[in-house]
Amino acid sequence: MAKGNPPPITPAAFQVLLALARGRAHGYGIMGFVSELTGGSVQLGPGTLYRTLSRLAADGLVEEAPDMSEDQPHDARRRYYQLTARGWEAAAREAELIRRLAGAAAEAGLLGRQERSA
């Protein structure tokens, strides 16, 4: 596991952490969650997704999940991922930052309003 604080979390990394905060998932499931959550405005491609997962694993934020139980459908080609305790903390820290930023955006009148003319 990497020591110290992980590097800054990119939007793609936060989206992956957010997907995994809901429970373990495979890459296709993560991509689908992000697409659904963003109304299709964000599409994590396989290259971005797997580079992000690799970096998150190197930073000790995610890990490959143990094999699924025999009573659940399983595709041997799929790798499942889950958050580590450190990943949960990093995701919670980033979510708190986003909450504060969204609050500031609301106070500035950026949320729920039509575009202002210049």
PDB file of N, CA and C in Angstrom:
ATOM      1  N   MET A   1       0.851  -1.177   0.000  1.00  0.00           N
ATOM      2  CA  MET A   1       0.000   0.000   0.000  1.00  0.00           C
ATOM      3  C   MET A   1       0.891   1.232   0.000  1.00  0.00           C
ATOM      4  N   ALA A   2       0.506   2.228  -0.774  1.00  0.00           N
ATOM      5  CA  ALA A   2       1.261   3.475  -0.840  1.00  0.00           C
ATOM      6  C   ALA A   2       1.122   4.225   0.472  1.00  0.00           C
ATOM      7  N   LYS A   3       2.189   4.952   0.832  1.00  0.00           N
ATOM      8  CA  LYS A   3       2.158   5.707   2.087  1.00  0.00           C
ATOM      9  C   LYS A   3       1.924   7.173   1.790  1.00  0.00           C
ATOM     10  N   GLY A   4       1.533   7.926   2.816  1.00  0.00           N
ATOM     11  CA  GLY A   4       1.283   9.350   2.644  1.00  0.00           C
ATOM     12  C   GLY A   4      -0.045   9.595   1.952  1.00  0.00           C
ATOM     13  N   ASN A   5      -0.267  10.851   1.633  1.00  0.00           N
ATOM     14  CA  ASN A   5      -1.507  11.209   0.953  1.00  0.00           C
ATOM     15  C   ASN A   5      -1.417  10.854  -0.518  1.00  0.00           C
ATOM     16  N   PRO A   6      -2.523  10.361  -1.089  1.00  0.00           N
ATOM     17  CA  PRO A   6      -2.520  10.074  -2.519  1.00  0.00           C
ATOM     18  C   PRO A   6      -2.457  11.382  -3.305  1.00  0.00           C
ATOM     19  N   PRO A   7      -2.045  11.302  -4.579  1.00  0.00           N
ATOM     20  CA  PRO A   7      -2.038  12.515  -5.387  1.00  0.00           C
ATOM     21  C   PRO A   7      -3.453  13.047  -5.547  1.00  0.00           C
ATOM     22  N   PRO A   8      -3.595  14.266  -6.037  1.00  0.00           N
ATOM     23  CA  PRO A   8      -4.939  14.822  -6.227  1.00  0.00           C
ATOM     24  C   PRO A   8      -5.813  13.876  -7.054  1.00  0.00           C
ATOM     25  N   ILE A   9      -7.070  13.872  -6.734  1.00  0.00           N
ATOM     26  CA  ILE A   9      -8.005  12.976  -7.408  1.00  0.00           C
ATOM     27  C   ILE A   9      -8.579  13.681  -8.631  1.00  0.00           C
ATOM     28  N   THR A  10      -8.442  13.038  -9.779  1.00  0.00           N
ATOM     29  CA  THR A  10      -8.995  13.580 -11.016  1.00  0.00           C
ATOM     30  C   THR A  10     -10.503  13.330 -11.045  1.00  0.00           C
ATOM     31  N   PRO A  11     -11.231  14.043 -11.909  1.00  0.00           N
ATOM     32  CA  PRO A  11     -12.668  13.752 -12.025  1.00  0.00           C
ATOM     33  C   PRO A  11     -12.936  12.281 -12.344  1.00  0.00           C
ATOM     34  N   ALA A  12     -12.170  11.689 -13.253  1.00  0.00           N
ATOM     35  CA  ALA A  12     -12.374  10.275 -13.589  1.00  0.00           C
ATOM     36  C   ALA A  12     -12.123   9.387 -12.376  1.00  0.00           C
ATOM     37  N   ALA A  13     -11.076   9.689 -11.608  1.00  0.00           N
ATOM     38  CA  ALA A  13     -10.778   8.891 -10.417  1.00  0.00           C
ATOM     39  C   ALA A  13     -11.908   9.005  -9.392  1.00  0.00           C
ATOM     40  N   PHE A  14     -12.437  10.207  -9.203  1.00  0.00           N
ATOM     41  CA  PHE A  14     -13.541  10.352  -8.252  1.00  0.00           C
ATOM     42  C   PHE A  14     -14.769   9.587  -8.730  1.00  0.00           C
ATOM     43  N   GLN A  15     -15.042   9.623 -10.013  1.00  0.00           N
ATOM     44  CA  GLN A  15     -16.191   8.891 -10.550  1.00  0.00           C
ATOM     45  C   GLN A  15     -16.038   7.391 -10.314  1.00  0.00           C
ATOM     46  N   VAL A  16     -14.829   6.873 -10.481  1.00  0.00           N
ATOM     47  CA  VAL A  16     -14.577   5.452 -10.216  1.00  0.00           C
ATOM     48  C   VAL A  16     -14.744   5.161  -8.727  1.00  0.00           C
ATOM     49  N   LEU A  17     -14.165   6.001  -7.872  1.00  0.00           N
ATOM     50  CA  LEU A  17     -14.308   5.799  -6.426  1.00  0.00           C
ATOM     51  C   LEU A  17     -15.772   5.862  -6.008  1.00  0.00           C
ATOM     52  N   LEU A  18     -16.516   6.788  -6.589  1.00  0.00           N
ATOM     53  CA  LEU A  18     -17.938   6.914  -6.274  1.00  0.00           C
ATOM     54  C   LEU A  18     -18.695   5.655  -6.682  1.00  0.00           C
ATOM     55  N   ALA A  19     -18.394   5.128  -7.856  1.00  0.00           N
ATOM     56  CA  ALA A  19     -19.040   3.887  -8.293  1.00  0.00           C
ATOM     57  C   ALA A  19     -18.732   2.750  -7.325  1.00  0.00           C
ATOM     58  N   LEU A  20     -17.483   2.658  -6.891  1.00  0.00           N
ATOM     59  CA  LEU A  20     -17.084   1.566  -5.997  1.00  0.00           C
ATOM     60  C   LEU A  20     -17.550   1.782  -4.560  1.00  0.00           C
ATOM     61  N   ALA A  21     -17.881   3.009  -4.194  1.00  0.00           N
ATOM     62  CA  ALA A  21     -18.434   3.261  -2.857  1.00  0.00           C
ATOM     63  C   ALA A  21     -19.797   2.583  -2.715  1.00  0.00           C
ATOM     64  N   ARG A  22     -20.439   2.288  -3.812  1.00  0.00           N
ATOM     65  CA  ARG A  22     -21.739   1.601  -3.808  1.00  0.00           C
ATOM     66  C   ARG A  22     -21.573   0.092  -3.674  1.00  0.00           C
ATOM     67  N   GLY A  23     -20.341  -0.398  -3.839  1.00  0.00           N
ATOM     68  CA  GLY A  23     -20.062  -1.829  -3.757  1.00  0.00           C
ATOM     69  C   GLY A  23     -19.126  -2.233  -4.870  1.00  0.00           C
ATOM     70  N   ARG A  24     -18.608  -3.436  -4.764  1.00  0.00           N
ATOM     71  CA  ARG A  24     -17.639  -3.869  -5.766  1.00  0.00           C
ATOM     72  C   ARG A  24     -18.277  -3.941  -7.140  1.00  0.00           C
ATOM     73  N   ALA A  25     -17.454  -3.733  -8.157  1.00  0.00           N
ATOM     74  CA  ALA A  25     -17.966  -3.698  -9.529  1.00  0.00           C
ATOM     75  C   ALA A  25     -16.854  -4.033 -10.503  1.00  0.00           C
ATOM     76  N   HIS A  26     -17.245  -4.432 -11.688  1.00  0.00           N
ATOM     77  CA  HIS A  26     -16.287  -4.653 -12.765  1.00  0.00           C
ATOM     78  C   HIS A  26     -16.271  -3.402 -13.647  1.00  0.00           C
ATOM     79  N   GLY A  27     -15.311  -3.347 -14.544  1.00  0.00           N
ATOM     80  CA  GLY A  27     -15.115  -2.153 -15.361  1.00  0.00           C
ATOM     81  C   GLY A  27     -16.346  -1.714 -16.123  1.00  0.00           C
ATOM     82  N   TYR A  28     -17.027  -2.655 -16.769  1.00  0.00           N
ATOM     83  CA  TYR A  28     -18.218  -2.299 -17.535  1.00  0.00           C
ATOM     84  C   TYR A  28     -19.292  -1.713 -16.622  1.00  0.00           C
ATOM     85  N   GLY A  29     -19.413  -2.254 -15.419  1.00  0.00           N
ATOM     86  CA  GLY A  29     -20.385  -1.730 -14.452  1.00  0.00           C
ATOM     87  C   GLY A  29     -20.043  -0.319 -14.017  1.00  0.00           C
ATOM     88  N   ILE A  30     -18.751  -0.054 -13.833  1.00  0.00           N
ATOM     89  CA  ILE A  30     -18.305   1.287 -13.450  1.00  0.00           C
ATOM     90  C   ILE A  30     -18.624   2.273 -14.573  1.00  0.00           C
ATOM     91  N   MET A  31     -18.297   1.892 -15.813  1.00  0.00           N
ATOM     92  CA  MET A  31     -18.582   2.771 -16.954  1.00  0.00           C
ATOM     93  C   MET A  31     -20.076   3.061 -17.065  1.00  0.00           C
ATOM     94  N   GLY A  32     -20.900   2.046 -16.879  1.00  0.00           N
ATOM     95  CA  GLY A  32     -22.344   2.226 -16.948  1.00  0.00           C
ATOM     96  C   GLY A  32     -22.869   3.138 -15.853  1.00  0.00           C
ATOM     97  N   PHE A  33     -22.346   2.979 -14.638  1.00  0.00           N
ATOM     98  CA  PHE A  33     -22.769   3.827 -13.521  1.00  0.00           C
ATOM     99  C   PHE A  33     -22.467   5.284 -13.817  1.00  0.00           C
ATOM    100  N   VAL A  34     -21.249   5.567 -14.283  1.00  0.00           N
ATOM    101  CA  VAL A  34     -20.852   6.950 -14.564  1.00  0.00           C
ATOM    102  C   VAL A  34     -21.708   7.532 -15.676  1.00  0.00           C
ATOM    103  N   SER A  35     -21.956   6.762 -16.721  1.00  0.00           N
ATOM    104  CA  SER A  35     -22.789   7.238 -17.821  1.00  0.00           C
ATOM    105  C   SER A  35     -24.208   7.545 -17.342  1.00  0.00           C
ATOM    106  N   GLU A  36     -24.769   6.637 -16.552  1.00  0.00           N
ATOM    107  CA  GLU A  36     -26.132   6.829 -16.041  1.00  0.00           C
ATOM    108  C   GLU A  36     -26.193   8.028 -15.096  1.00  0.00           C
ATOM    109  N   LEU A  37     -25.225   8.128 -14.198  1.00  0.00           N
ATOM    110  CA  LEU A  37     -25.200   9.212 -13.218  1.00  0.00           C
ATOM    111  C   LEU A  37     -25.132  10.580 -13.884  1.00  0.00           C
ATOM    112  N   THR A  38     -24.379  10.664 -14.969  1.00  0.00           N
ATOM    113  CA  THR A  38     -24.168  11.953 -15.638  1.00  0.00           C
ATOM    114  C   THR A  38     -25.116  12.171 -16.808  1.00  0.00           C
ATOM    115  N   GLY A  39     -26.115  11.318 -16.947  1.00  0.00           N
ATOM    116  CA  GLY A  39     -27.044  11.463 -18.058  1.00  0.00           C
ATOM    117  C   GLY A  39     -26.360  11.311 -19.403  1.00  0.00           C
ATOM    118  N   GLY A  40     -25.284  10.543 -19.440  1.00  0.00           N
ATOM    119  CA  GLY A  40     -24.563  10.291 -20.677  1.00  0.00           C
ATOM    120  C   GLY A  40     -23.556  11.365 -21.050  1.00  0.00           C
ATOM    121  N   SER A  41     -23.449  12.413 -20.234  1.00  0.00           N
ATOM    122  CA  SER A  41     -22.511  13.490 -20.589  1.00  0.00           C
ATOM    123  C   SER A  41     -21.064  13.110 -20.332  1.00  0.00           C
ATOM    124  N   VAL A  42     -20.828  12.108 -19.487  1.00  0.00           N
ATOM    125  CA  VAL A  42     -19.471  11.611 -19.258  1.00  0.00           C
ATOM    126  C   VAL A  42     -19.458  10.136 -19.642  1.00  0.00           C
ATOM    127  N   GLN A  43     -18.560   9.799 -20.534  1.00  0.00           N
ATOM    128  CA  GLN A  43     -18.368   8.420 -20.966  1.00  0.00           C
ATOM    129  C   GLN A  43     -16.918   8.054 -20.679  1.00  0.00           C
ATOM    130  N   LEU A  44     -16.701   7.203 -19.676  1.00  0.00           N
ATOM    131  CA  LEU A  44     -15.343   6.731 -19.398  1.00  0.00           C
ATOM    132  C   LEU A  44     -15.024   5.639 -20.402  1.00  0.00           C
ATOM    133  N   GLY A  45     -14.068   5.891 -21.265  1.00  0.00           N
ATOM    134  CA  GLY A  45     -13.641   4.862 -22.199  1.00  0.00           C
ATOM    135  C   GLY A  45     -12.790   3.832 -21.495  1.00  0.00           C
ATOM    136  N   PRO A  46     -12.607   2.669 -22.117  1.00  0.00           N
ATOM    137  CA  PRO A  46     -11.820   1.619 -21.479  1.00  0.00           C
ATOM    138  C   PRO A  46     -10.399   2.059 -21.137  1.00  0.00           C
ATOM    139  N   GLY A  47      -9.746   2.805 -22.014  1.00  0.00           N
ATOM    140  CA  GLY A  47      -8.382   3.259 -21.738  1.00  0.00           C
ATOM    141  C   GLY A  47      -8.321   4.129 -20.503  1.00  0.00           C
ATOM    142  N   THR A  48      -9.215   5.107 -20.421  1.00  0.00           N
ATOM    143  CA  THR A  48      -9.266   5.997 -19.259  1.00  0.00           C
ATOM    144  C   THR A  48      -9.604   5.208 -18.004  1.00  0.00           C
ATOM    145  N   LEU A  49     -10.590   4.345 -18.103  1.00  0.00           N
ATOM    146  CA  LEU A  49     -11.026   3.582 -16.937  1.00  0.00           C
ATOM    147  C   LEU A  49      -9.895   2.716 -16.389  1.00  0.00           C
ATOM    148  N   TYR A  50      -9.251   1.935 -17.245  1.00  0.00           N
ATOM    149  CA  TYR A  50      -8.249   0.993 -16.736  1.00  0.00           C
ATOM    150  C   TYR A  50      -6.955   1.684 -16.331  1.00  0.00           C
ATOM    151  N   ARG A  51      -6.598   2.791 -16.969  1.00  0.00           N
ATOM    152  CA  ARG A  51      -5.452   3.587 -16.469  1.00  0.00           C
ATOM    153  C   ARG A  51      -5.784   4.149 -15.091  1.00  0.00           C
ATOM    154  N   THR A  52      -7.020   4.633 -14.937  1.00  0.00           N
ATOM    155  CA  THR A  52      -7.449   5.187 -13.649  1.00  0.00           C
ATOM    156  C   THR A  52      -7.453   4.111 -12.571  1.00  0.00           C
ATOM    157  N   LEU A  53      -8.009   2.938 -12.874  1.00  0.00           N
ATOM    158  CA  LEU A  53      -8.016   1.845 -11.902  1.00  0.00           C
ATOM    159  C   LEU A  53      -6.597   1.434 -11.531  1.00  0.00           C
ATOM    160  N   SER A  54      -5.717   1.401 -12.498  1.00  0.00           N
ATOM    161  CA  SER A  54      -4.323   1.033 -12.235  1.00  0.00           C
ATOM    162  C   SER A  54      -3.665   2.036 -11.289  1.00  0.00           C
ATOM    163  N   ARG A  55      -3.890   3.328 -11.543  1.00  0.00           N
ATOM    164  CA  ARG A  55      -3.309   4.365 -10.680  1.00  0.00           C
ATOM    165  C   ARG A  55      -3.917   4.301  -9.282  1.00  0.00           C
ATOM    166  N   LEU A  56      -5.240   4.111  -9.203  1.00  0.00           N
ATOM    167  CA  LEU A  56      -5.900   4.022  -7.898  1.00  0.00           C
ATOM    168  C   LEU A  56      -5.390   2.811  -7.114  1.00  0.00           C
ATOM    169  N   ALA A  57      -5.142   1.708  -7.810  1.00  0.00           N
ATOM    170  CA  ALA A  57      -4.607   0.518  -7.141  1.00  0.00           C
ATOM    171  C   ALA A  57      -3.176   0.781  -6.660  1.00  0.00           C
ATOM    172  N   ALA A  58      -2.371   1.435  -7.493  1.00  0.00           N
ATOM    173  CA  ALA A  58      -0.989   1.748  -7.100  1.00  0.00           C
ATOM    174  C   ALA A  58      -0.953   2.678  -5.888  1.00  0.00           C
ATOM    175  N   ASP A  59      -1.965   3.538  -5.770  1.00  0.00           N
ATOM    176  CA  ASP A  59      -2.049   4.464  -4.640  1.00  0.00           C
ATOM    177  C   ASP A  59      -2.715   3.828  -3.423  1.00  0.00           C
ATOM    178  N   GLY A  60      -3.137   2.566  -3.540  1.00  0.00           N
ATOM    179  CA  GLY A  60      -3.747   1.862  -2.416  1.00  0.00           C
ATOM    180  C   GLY A  60      -5.186   2.258  -2.153  1.00  0.00           C
ATOM    181  N   LEU A  61      -5.874   2.804  -3.173  1.00  0.00           N
ATOM    182  CA  LEU A  61      -7.255   3.262  -2.981  1.00  0.00           C
ATOM    183  C   LEU A  61      -8.283   2.222  -3.420  1.00  0.00           C
ATOM    184  N   VAL A  62      -7.918   1.364  -4.357  1.00  0.00           N
ATOM    185  CA  VAL A  62      -8.790   0.262  -4.779  1.00  0.00           C
ATOM    186  C   VAL A  62      -7.951  -1.004  -4.838  1.00  0.00           C
ATOM    187  N   GLU A  63      -8.646  -2.114  -4.843  1.00  0.00           N
ATOM    188  CA  GLU A  63      -7.981  -3.408  -4.977  1.00  0.00           C
ATOM    189  C   GLU A  63      -8.906  -4.335  -5.741  1.00  0.00           C
ATOM    190  N   GLU A  64      -8.302  -5.352  -6.318  1.00  0.00           N
ATOM    191  CA  GLU A  64      -9.117  -6.342  -6.997  1.00  0.00           C
ATOM    192  C   GLU A  64      -9.896  -7.103  -5.928  1.00  0.00           C
ATOM    193  N   ALA A  65     -11.181  -7.292  -6.167  1.00  0.00           N
ATOM    194  CA  ALA A  65     -12.041  -7.973  -5.203  1.00  0.00           C
ATOM    195  C   ALA A  65     -11.808  -9.478  -5.272  1.00  0.00           C
ATOM    196  N   PRO A  66     -12.003 -10.167  -4.155  1.00  0.00           N
ATOM    197  CA  PRO A  66     -11.870 -11.626  -4.173  1.00  0.00           C
ATOM    198  C   PRO A  66     -12.908 -12.240  -5.113  1.00  0.00           C
ATOM    199  N   ASP A  67     -12.677 -13.487  -5.496  1.00  0.00           N
ATOM    200  CA  ASP A  67     -13.610 -14.177  -6.387  1.00  0.00           C
ATOM    201  C   ASP A  67     -15.020 -14.122  -5.829  1.00  0.00           C
ATOM    202  N   MET A  68     -15.961 -14.096  -6.753  1.00  0.00           N
ATOM    203  CA  MET A  68     -17.369 -14.057  -6.357  1.00  0.00           C
ATOM    204  C   MET A  68     -17.772 -15.440  -5.836  1.00  0.00           C
ATOM    205  N   SER A  69     -18.827 -15.481  -5.036  1.00  0.00           N
ATOM    206  CA  SER A  69     -19.287 -16.767  -4.516  1.00  0.00           C
ATOM    207  C   SER A  69     -19.916 -17.573  -5.657  1.00  0.00           C
ATOM    208  N   GLU A  70     -19.974 -18.870  -5.460  1.00  0.00           N
ATOM    209  CA  GLU A  70     -20.433 -19.756  -6.530  1.00  0.00           C
ATOM    210  C   GLU A  70     -21.896 -19.579  -6.876  1.00  0.00           C
ATOM    211  N   ASP A  71     -22.709 -19.019  -5.989  1.00  0.00           N
ATOM    212  CA  ASP A  71     -24.127 -18.862  -6.286  1.00  0.00           C
ATOM    213  C   ASP A  71     -24.422 -17.591  -7.076  1.00  0.00           C
ATOM    214  N   GLN A  72     -23.403 -16.794  -7.376  1.00  0.00           N
ATOM    215  CA  GLN A  72     -23.580 -15.580  -8.166  1.00  0.00           C
ATOM    216  C   GLN A  72     -23.010 -15.798  -9.554  1.00  0.00           C
ATOM    217  N   PRO A  73     -23.646 -15.186 -10.582  1.00  0.00           N
ATOM    218  CA  PRO A  73     -23.088 -15.327 -11.925  1.00  0.00           C
ATOM    219  C   PRO A  73     -21.687 -14.722 -11.971  1.00  0.00           C
ATOM    220  N   HIS A  74     -20.819 -15.357 -12.710  1.00  0.00           N
ATOM    221  CA  HIS A  74     -19.438 -14.884 -12.765  1.00  0.00           C
ATOM    222  C   HIS A  74     -18.888 -15.081 -14.176  1.00  0.00           C
ATOM    223  N   ASP A  75     -18.225 -14.100 -14.663  1.00  0.00           N
ATOM    224  CA  ASP A  75     -17.543 -14.169 -15.945  1.00  0.00           C
ATOM    225  C   ASP A  75     -16.053 -14.100 -15.628  1.00  0.00           C
ATOM    226  N   ALA A  76     -15.314 -15.163 -15.912  1.00  0.00           N
ATOM    227  CA  ALA A  76     -13.906 -15.242 -15.546  1.00  0.00           C
ATOM    228  C   ALA A  76     -13.075 -14.136 -16.189  1.00  0.00           C
ATOM    229  N   ARG A  77     -13.559 -13.547 -17.276  1.00  0.00           N
ATOM    230  CA  ARG A  77     -12.805 -12.483 -17.936  1.00  0.00           C
ATOM    231  C   ARG A  77     -12.915 -11.167 -17.184  1.00  0.00           C
ATOM    232  N   ARG A  78     -13.920 -11.027 -16.361  1.00  0.00           N
ATOM    233  CA  ARG A  78     -14.130  -9.767 -15.650  1.00  0.00           C
ATOM    234  C   ARG A  78     -13.376  -9.747 -14.341  1.00  0.00           C
ATOM    235  N   ARG A  79     -12.742  -8.616 -14.110  1.00  0.00           N
ATOM    236  CA  ARG A  79     -12.103  -8.386 -12.816  1.00  0.00           C
ATOM    237  C   ARG A  79     -12.987  -7.433 -12.041  1.00  0.00           C
ATOM    238  N   TYR A  80     -13.216  -7.784 -10.807  1.00  0.00           N
ATOM    239  CA  TYR A  80     -14.033  -6.946  -9.936  1.00  0.00           C
ATOM    240  C   TYR A  80     -13.116  -6.150  -9.020  1.00  0.00           C
ATOM    241  N   TYR A  81     -13.521  -4.923  -8.725  1.00  0.00           N
ATOM    242  CA  TYR A  81     -12.726  -4.018  -7.902  1.00  0.00           C
ATOM    243  C   TYR A  81     -13.557  -3.563  -6.722  1.00  0.00           C
ATOM    244  N   GLN A  82     -12.850  -3.161  -5.656  1.00  0.00           N
ATOM    245  CA  GLN A  82     -13.521  -2.626  -4.474  1.00  0.00           C
ATOM    246  C   GLN A  82     -12.626  -1.563  -3.851  1.00  0.00           C
ATOM    247  N   LEU A  83     -13.246  -0.692  -3.082  1.00  0.00           N
ATOM    248  CA  LEU A  83     -12.501   0.331  -2.366  1.00  0.00           C
ATOM    249  C   LEU A  83     -11.737  -0.297  -1.214  1.00  0.00           C
ATOM    250  N   THR A  84     -10.595   0.261  -0.923  1.00  0.00           N
ATOM    251  CA  THR A  84      -9.893  -0.061   0.317  1.00  0.00           C
ATOM    252  C   THR A  84     -10.358   0.958   1.362  1.00  0.00           C
ATOM    253  N   ALA A  85      -9.960   0.776   2.597  1.00  0.00           N
ATOM    254  CA  ALA A  85     -10.292   1.769   3.632  1.00  0.00           C
ATOM    255  C   ALA A  85      -9.711   3.128   3.246  1.00  0.00           C
ATOM    256  N   ARG A  86      -8.503   3.120   2.712  1.00  0.00           N
ATOM    257  CA  ARG A  86      -7.866   4.370   2.278  1.00  0.00           C
ATOM    258  C   ARG A  86      -8.636   4.999   1.115  1.00  0.00           C
ATOM    259  N   GLY A  87      -9.158   4.161   0.226  1.00  0.00           N
ATOM    260  CA  GLY A  87      -9.956   4.653  -0.888  1.00  0.00           C
ATOM    261  C   GLY A  87     -11.252   5.286  -0.419  1.00  0.00           C
ATOM    262  N   TRP A  88     -11.862   4.666   0.589  1.00  0.00           N
ATOM    263  CA  TRP A  88     -13.098   5.221   1.157  1.00  0.00           C
ATOM    264  C   TRP A  88     -12.819   6.607   1.738  1.00  0.00           C
ATOM    265  N   GLU A  89     -11.727   6.734   2.467  1.00  0.00           N
ATOM    266  CA  GLU A  89     -11.366   8.024   3.066  1.00  0.00           C
ATOM    267  C   GLU A  89     -11.094   9.076   1.990  1.00  0.00           C
ATOM    268  N   ALA A  90     -10.370   8.688   0.945  1.00  0.00           N
ATOM    269  CA  ALA A  90     -10.074   9.631  -0.139  1.00  0.00           C
ATOM    270  C   ALA A  90     -11.353  10.064  -0.853  1.00  0.00           C
ATOM    271  N   ALA A  91     -12.266   9.118  -1.087  1.00  0.00           N
ATOM    272  CA  ALA A  91     -13.532   9.450  -1.752  1.00  0.00           C
ATOM    273  C   ALA A  91     -14.373  10.374  -0.877  1.00  0.00           C
ATOM    274  N   ALA A  92     -14.410  10.097   0.424  1.00  0.00           N
ATOM    275  CA  ALA A  92     -15.182  10.944   1.345  1.00  0.00           C
ATOM    276  C   ALA A  92     -14.583  12.351   1.408  1.00  0.00           C
ATOM    277  N   ARG A  93     -13.271  12.447   1.431  1.00  0.00           N
ATOM    278  CA  ARG A  93     -12.595  13.751   1.460  1.00  0.00           C
ATOM    279  C   ARG A  93     -12.920  14.542   0.186  1.00  0.00           C
ATOM    280  N   GLU A  94     -12.879  13.885  -0.962  1.00  0.00           N
ATOM    281  CA  GLU A  94     -13.182  14.550  -2.235  1.00  0.00           C
ATOM    282  C   GLU A  94     -14.657  14.942  -2.308  1.00  0.00           C
ATOM    283  N   ALA A  95     -15.541  14.087  -1.801  1.00  0.00           N
ATOM    284  CA  ALA A  95     -16.973  14.407  -1.790  1.00  0.00           C
ATOM    285  C   ALA A  95     -17.239  15.638  -0.924  1.00  0.00           C
ATOM    286  N   GLU A  96     -16.548  15.745   0.192  1.00  0.00           N
ATOM    287  CA  GLU A  96     -16.704  16.923   1.062  1.00  0.00           C
ATOM    288  C   GLU A  96     -16.224  18.177   0.344  1.00  0.00           C
ATOM    289  N   LEU A  97     -15.120  18.088  -0.369  1.00  0.00           N
ATOM    290  CA  LEU A  97     -14.632  19.232  -1.140  1.00  0.00           C
ATOM    291  C   LEU A  97     -15.660  19.635  -2.197  1.00  0.00           C
ATOM    292  N   ILE A  98     -16.219  18.661  -2.892  1.00  0.00           N
ATOM    293  CA  ILE A  98     -17.226  18.951  -3.918  1.00  0.00           C
ATOM    294  C   ILE A  98     -18.464  19.574  -3.288  1.00  0.00           C
ATOM    295  N   ARG A  99     -18.851  19.099  -2.093  1.00  0.00           N
ATOM    296  CA  ARG A  99     -20.003  19.684  -1.401  1.00  0.00           C
ATOM    297  C   ARG A  99     -19.750  21.156  -1.103  1.00  0.00           C
ATOM    298  N   ARG A 100     -18.536  21.483  -0.626  1.00  0.00           N
ATOM    299  CA  ARG A 100     -18.205  22.887  -0.336  1.00  0.00           C
ATOM    300  C   ARG A 100     -18.186  23.723  -1.611  1.00  0.00           C
ATOM    301  N   LEU A 101     -17.634  23.182  -2.677  1.00  0.00           N
ATOM    302  CA  LEU A 101     -17.612  23.901  -3.949  1.00  0.00           C
ATOM    303  C   LEU A 101     -19.026  24.132  -4.482  1.00  0.00           C
ATOM    304  N   ALA A 102     -19.883  23.125  -4.366  1.00  0.00           N
ATOM    305  CA  ALA A 102     -21.267  23.275  -4.814  1.00  0.00           C
ATOM    306  C   ALA A 102     -21.993  24.327  -3.971  1.00  0.00           C
ATOM    307  N   GLY A 103     -21.707  24.378  -2.674  1.00  0.00           N
ATOM    308  CA  GLY A 103     -22.298  25.410  -1.821  1.00  0.00           C
ATOM    309  C   GLY A 103     -21.872  26.801  -2.251  1.00  0.00           C
ATOM    310  N   ALA A 104     -20.591  26.957  -2.558  1.00  0.00           N
ATOM    311  CA  ALA A 104     -20.099  28.252  -3.028  1.00  0.00           C
ATOM    312  C   ALA A 104     -20.721  28.612  -4.371  1.00  0.00           C
ATOM    313  N   ALA A 105     -20.899  27.623  -5.238  1.00  0.00           N
ATOM    314  CA  ALA A 105     -21.528  27.867  -6.537  1.00  0.00           C
ATOM    315  C   ALA A 105     -22.979  28.303  -6.352  1.00  0.00           C
ATOM    316  N   ALA A 106     -23.674  27.687  -5.406  1.00  0.00           N
ATOM    317  CA  ALA A 106     -25.060  28.077  -5.135  1.00  0.00           C
ATOM    318  C   ALA A 106     -25.120  29.500  -4.597  1.00  0.00           C
ATOM    319  N   GLU A 107     -24.217  29.836  -3.671  1.00  0.00           N
ATOM    320  CA  GLU A 107     -24.182  31.196  -3.123  1.00  0.00           C
ATOM    321  C   GLU A 107     -23.871  32.235  -4.195  1.00  0.00           C
ATOM    322  N   ALA A 108     -23.087  31.849  -5.191  1.00  0.00           N
ATOM    323  CA  ALA A 108     -22.740  32.759  -6.280  1.00  0.00           C
ATOM    324  C   ALA A 108     -23.845  32.843  -7.328  1.00  0.00           C
ATOM    325  N   GLY A 109     -24.894  32.056  -7.141  1.00  0.00           N
ATOM    326  CA  GLY A 109     -26.005  32.087  -8.082  1.00  0.00           C
ATOM    327  C   GLY A 109     -25.797  31.234  -9.315  1.00  0.00           C
ATOM    328  N   LEU A 110     -24.863  30.294  -9.259  1.00  0.00           N
ATOM    329  CA  LEU A 110     -24.571  29.476 -10.432  1.00  0.00           C
ATOM    330  C   LEU A 110     -25.466  28.249 -10.565  1.00  0.00           C
ATOM    331  N   LEU A 111     -26.129  27.862  -9.510  1.00  0.00           N
ATOM    332  CA  LEU A 111     -26.973  26.672  -9.563  1.00  0.00           C
ATOM    333  C   LEU A 111     -28.444  27.057  -9.629  1.00  0.00           C
ATOM    334  N   GLY A 112     -29.172  26.393 -10.499  1.00  0.00           N
ATOM    335  CA  GLY A 112     -30.611  26.595 -10.579  1.00  0.00           C
ATOM    336  C   GLY A 112     -31.033  27.895 -11.237  1.00  0.00           C
ATOM    337  N   ARG A 113     -30.126  28.535 -11.942  1.00  0.00           N
ATOM    338  CA  ARG A 113     -30.470  29.785 -12.609  1.00  0.00           C
ATOM    339  C   ARG A 113     -30.142  29.679 -14.083  1.00  0.00           C
ATOM    340  N   GLN A 114     -30.839  30.467 -14.851  1.00  0.00           N
ATOM    341  CA  GLN A 114     -30.550  30.542 -16.275  1.00  0.00           C
ATOM    342  C   GLN A 114     -29.265  31.324 -16.476  1.00  0.00           C
ATOM    343  N   GLU A 115     -28.627  31.123 -17.623  1.00  0.00           N
ATOM    344  CA  GLU A 115     -27.384  31.812 -17.938  1.00  0.00           C
ATOM    345  C   GLU A 115     -27.617  33.309 -17.931  1.00  0.00           C
ATOM    346  N   ARG A 116     -26.695  34.039 -17.313  1.00  0.00           N
ATOM    347  CA  ARG A 116     -26.776  35.494 -17.270  1.00  0.00           C
ATOM    348  C   ARG A 116     -26.226  36.068 -18.555  1.00  0.00           C
ATOM    349  N   SER A 117     -26.788  37.173 -18.991  1.00  0.00           N
ATOM    350  CA  SER A 117     -26.224  37.827 -20.168  1.00  0.00           C
ATOM    351  C   SER A 117     -25.098  38.741 -19.703  1.00  0.00           C
ATOM    352  N   ALA A 118     -24.079  38.875 -20.544  1.00  0.00           N
ATOM    353  CA  ALA A 118     -22.878  39.652 -20.187  1.00  0.00           C
ATOM    354  C   ALA A 118     -23.116  41.134 -20.231  1.00  0.00           C
TER     355      ALA A 118
END
